[in-house]
Amino acid sequence: MADEQPKRQGDSIASSYSKAGPYLDASWQLIGAVGLWSLVGWWLDGKLHTTPWLLVTGAVLGVGLGFYLFFRALLAIKK
């Protein structure tokens, strides 16, 4: 009897992680797109001395792409 309690609890934790996985993936896509394109803009600003315009452009592009990927992933979860 005592061994069944941790096993069931472990199964419920694994099940919770499995259900949360697609939502975590969608969130990481949003964060990654914004971070990556902001980093690209910052790097290009350093190379081309156009501060802060390419950083701003990269951040805006990252937000747009990130939200597109985020909502596409959420719609795929609902199907």
Protein backbone atom coordinates (compact mmCIF):
# COMPACT_ATOMS: atom_id res chain seq x y z
CA MET A 1 0.00 0.00 0.00
CA ALA A 2 2.75 2.47 0.91
CA ASP A 3 4.51 1.92 -2.44
CA GLU A 4 1.38 2.72 -4.46
CA GLN A 5 1.13 6.33 -3.22
CA PRO A 6 4.51 7.56 -4.66
CA LYS A 7 3.95 5.63 -7.88
CA ARG A 8 0.57 7.28 -8.46
CA GLN A 9 1.98 10.67 -7.55
CA GLY A 10 4.88 10.15 -9.95
CA ASP A 11 2.47 9.13 -12.70
CA SER A 12 0.36 12.23 -12.13
CA ILE A 13 3.43 14.48 -12.28
CA ALA A 14 4.57 12.81 -15.51
CA SER A 15 1.07 13.18 -16.92
CA SER A 16 1.01 16.86 -15.97
CA TYR A 17 4.34 17.48 -17.68
CA SER A 18 3.17 15.64 -20.75
CA LYS A 19 0.02 17.78 -20.93
CA ALA A 20 1.97 21.01 -20.34
CA GLY A 21 4.66 20.19 -22.92
CA PRO A 22 2.99 21.70 -25.99
CA TYR A 23 2.21 24.92 -24.11
CA LEU A 24 5.79 25.17 -22.87
CA ASP A 25 7.01 24.60 -26.42
CA ALA A 26 4.79 27.40 -27.72
CA SER A 27 6.11 29.74 -25.03
CA TRP A 28 9.72 28.92 -25.82
CA GLN A 29 9.10 29.59 -29.51
CA LEU A 30 7.83 33.07 -28.65
CA ILE A 31 10.74 33.81 -26.29
CA GLY A 32 13.29 32.35 -28.70
CA ALA A 33 12.09 34.34 -31.71
CA VAL A 34 12.14 37.64 -29.81
CA GLY A 35 15.52 36.89 -28.25
CA LEU A 36 17.16 35.67 -31.45
CA TRP A 37 16.01 38.57 -33.65
CA SER A 38 16.85 41.13 -30.97
CA LEU A 39 20.32 39.63 -30.72
CA VAL A 40 20.74 39.73 -34.51
CA GLY A 41 19.66 43.38 -34.56
CA TRP A 42 22.03 44.26 -31.73
CA TRP A 43 24.93 42.52 -33.48
CA LEU A 44 24.19 44.25 -36.78
CA ASP A 45 23.95 47.61 -35.00
CA GLY A 46 27.46 47.03 -33.65
CA LYS A 47 28.81 46.15 -37.08
CA LEU A 48 27.02 48.87 -39.07
CA HIS A 49 26.94 51.62 -36.37
CA THR A 50 23.21 52.22 -36.80
CA THR A 51 22.31 52.10 -33.10
CA PRO A 52 19.44 51.53 -32.12
CA TRP A 53 17.51 51.08 -35.35
CA LEU A 54 18.44 47.52 -36.27
CA LEU A 55 17.93 46.40 -32.68
CA VAL A 56 14.43 47.88 -32.71
CA THR A 57 13.73 46.36 -36.13
CA GLY A 58 14.98 42.96 -34.97
CA ALA A 59 12.86 43.12 -31.81
CA VAL A 60 9.72 44.05 -33.76
CA LEU A 61 10.40 41.30 -36.30
CA GLY A 62 10.99 38.84 -33.45
CA VAL A 63 7.74 39.80 -31.73
CA GLY A 64 5.77 39.39 -34.95
CA LEU A 65 7.36 36.06 -35.81
CA GLY A 66 7.16 34.89 -32.20
CA PHE A 67 3.44 35.56 -31.93
CA TYR A 68 2.84 33.90 -35.28
CA LEU A 69 4.66 30.75 -34.10
CA PHE A 70 2.99 30.94 -30.68
CA PHE A 71 -0.56 31.07 -32.05
CA ARG A 72 0.20 28.47 -34.73
CA ALA A 73 1.38 26.08 -32.00
CA LEU A 74 -1.69 26.79 -29.85
CA LEU A 75 -4.03 26.16 -32.77
CA ALA A 76 -2.24 22.88 -33.49
CA ILE A 77 -2.80 21.84 -29.86
CA LYS A 78 -6.55 22.39 -30.14
CA LYS A 79 -6.84 20.12 -33.21
